[in-house]
Amino acid sequence: MRKWQISIAAALTVAIMLVSAAAWAFPPFLKVFTSTYKVKSDSALGKASCATCHTAKDKTDKLNPYGQSLQKAMQGGKVTKASLVKVEKLDSDKDKVSNIKEIKAGTLPGNAKSK
């Protein structure tokens, strides 16, 4: 193989690894979130999937207000129980209901229309 072919192969390998890592980033968060808050699967929050923190269920890179609050509270680049607790008292979506009240009600703390 030529040097440029090796470089392209290496770049593609790195790109695939990064995409794979991003795709696997959600399950650890989901586990921490659901175990911390005992989210009911039939609630709006339980059905939200990636939309708990992102603007769409397909986990686009754009974060909703709750996701943005969590991102600021994260420690070491990971969502932990401590980072979840840090944003509980906030009203990330500015709907006059705290994040923790919305979570306990099974509604979305990052969506002002979900109370």
Protein backbone atom coordinates (compact mmCIF):
# COMPACT_ATOMS: atom_id res chain seq x y z
CA MET A 1 0.00 0.00 0.00
CA ARG A 2 1.07 3.56 -0.64
CA LYS A 3 1.45 6.12 2.12
CA TRP A 4 -1.67 8.05 1.09
CA GLN A 5 -3.73 4.83 1.10
CA ILE A 6 -2.51 4.02 4.62
CA SER A 7 -3.39 7.57 5.73
CA ILE A 8 -6.90 7.29 4.29
CA ALA A 9 -7.39 3.86 5.88
CA ALA A 10 -6.21 5.19 9.25
CA ALA A 11 -8.49 8.25 9.00
CA LEU A 12 -11.48 6.07 8.15
CA THR A 13 -10.72 3.75 11.06
CA VAL A 14 -10.57 6.68 13.49
CA ALA A 15 -13.81 8.13 12.08
CA ILE A 16 -15.60 4.80 12.49
CA MET A 17 -14.35 4.48 16.07
CA LEU A 18 -15.54 8.00 16.94
CA VAL A 19 -19.00 7.42 15.45
CA SER A 20 -19.26 4.11 17.31
CA ALA A 21 -18.28 5.76 20.58
CA ALA A 22 -20.93 8.46 20.10
CA ALA A 23 -23.58 5.85 19.38
CA TRP A 24 -22.74 4.02 22.60
CA ALA A 25 -22.70 7.19 24.72
CA PHE A 26 -26.45 7.08 25.36
CA PRO A 27 -26.92 3.73 27.14
CA PRO A 28 -24.70 4.61 30.14
CA PHE A 29 -26.62 7.87 30.60
CA LEU A 30 -29.93 6.09 30.30
CA LYS A 31 -28.90 3.58 32.94
CA VAL A 32 -27.77 6.29 35.37
CA PHE A 33 -30.87 8.41 34.71
CA THR A 34 -33.43 5.61 34.98
CA SER A 35 -31.82 4.03 38.04
CA THR A 36 -31.56 7.40 39.78
CA TYR A 37 -35.14 8.47 39.07
CA LYS A 38 -36.97 5.12 38.61
CA VAL A 39 -38.47 6.39 35.34
CA LYS A 40 -41.69 4.64 34.34
CA SER A 41 -41.48 3.35 30.77
CA ASP A 42 -45.05 4.43 29.96
CA SER A 43 -44.48 8.07 30.96
CA ALA A 44 -43.56 10.84 28.51
CA LEU A 45 -40.12 10.81 30.06
CA GLY A 46 -39.79 7.06 29.70
CA LYS A 47 -40.76 7.24 26.02
CA ALA A 48 -38.49 10.23 25.31
CA SER A 49 -35.29 8.24 24.84
CA CYS A 50 -32.59 10.61 23.56
CA ALA A 51 -35.06 13.53 23.63
CA THR A 52 -34.59 13.69 27.39
CA CYS A 53 -31.45 15.72 26.68
CA HIS A 54 -31.43 16.23 22.92
CA THR A 55 -33.79 18.16 20.67
CA ALA A 56 -34.78 14.98 18.81
CA LYS A 57 -35.18 11.28 19.58
CA ASP A 58 -32.48 10.42 17.06
CA LYS A 59 -29.86 12.00 19.32
CA THR A 60 -28.78 14.88 17.17
CA ASP A 61 -25.86 16.76 18.60
CA LYS A 62 -28.12 19.66 19.54
CA LEU A 63 -29.01 19.60 23.22
CA ASN A 64 -32.29 20.85 24.66
CA PRO A 65 -32.17 23.16 27.73
CA TYR A 66 -32.01 20.22 30.18
CA GLY A 67 -29.20 18.61 28.19
CA GLN A 68 -27.33 21.91 28.19
CA SER A 69 -27.69 22.17 31.98
CA LEU A 70 -26.44 18.61 32.38
CA GLN A 71 -23.52 19.23 30.08
CA LYS A 72 -22.39 22.10 32.33
CA ALA A 73 -22.76 19.89 35.44
CA MET A 74 -20.98 16.81 34.06
CA GLN A 75 -17.82 15.63 35.72
CA GLY A 76 -15.08 14.10 33.60
CA GLY A 77 -17.29 14.22 30.51
CA LYS A 78 -19.79 11.73 31.93
CA VAL A 79 -23.27 12.05 33.32
CA THR A 80 -23.21 10.80 36.89
CA LYS A 81 -25.75 10.73 39.69
CA ALA A 82 -23.97 13.78 41.14
CA SER A 83 -24.36 15.75 37.90
CA LEU A 84 -28.06 14.82 37.76
CA VAL A 85 -28.53 16.05 41.34
CA LYS A 86 -26.76 19.34 40.52
CA VAL A 87 -29.45 20.29 38.01
CA GLU A 88 -32.53 19.03 39.89
CA LYS A 89 -33.48 22.40 41.40
CA LEU A 90 -33.02 24.26 38.12
CA ASP A 91 -35.86 25.04 35.73
CA SER A 92 -33.90 24.35 32.56
CA ASP A 93 -36.81 24.85 30.15
CA LYS A 94 -38.11 27.97 31.97
CA ASP A 95 -41.67 26.63 32.39
CA LYS A 96 -41.81 27.51 36.10
CA VAL A 97 -41.47 23.84 37.12
CA SER A 98 -38.16 22.56 38.48
CA ASN A 99 -36.36 19.75 36.69
CA ILE A 100 -36.88 17.35 39.59
CA LYS A 101 -40.63 18.06 39.76
CA GLU A 102 -40.94 17.35 36.05
CA ILE A 103 -38.87 14.17 36.34
CA LYS A 104 -40.99 12.93 39.24
CA ALA A 105 -44.13 13.71 37.21
CA GLY A 106 -42.71 11.77 34.26
CA THR A 107 -42.53 14.85 32.03
CA LEU A 108 -39.60 16.31 30.10
CA PRO A 109 -37.44 18.84 31.95
CA GLY A 110 -36.00 20.11 28.65
CA ASN A 111 -39.33 20.83 26.96
CA ALA A 112 -41.44 23.75 28.21
CA LYS A 113 -44.58 22.24 26.62
CA SER A 114 -44.21 19.12 28.78
CA LYS A 115 -45.35 19.89 32.34
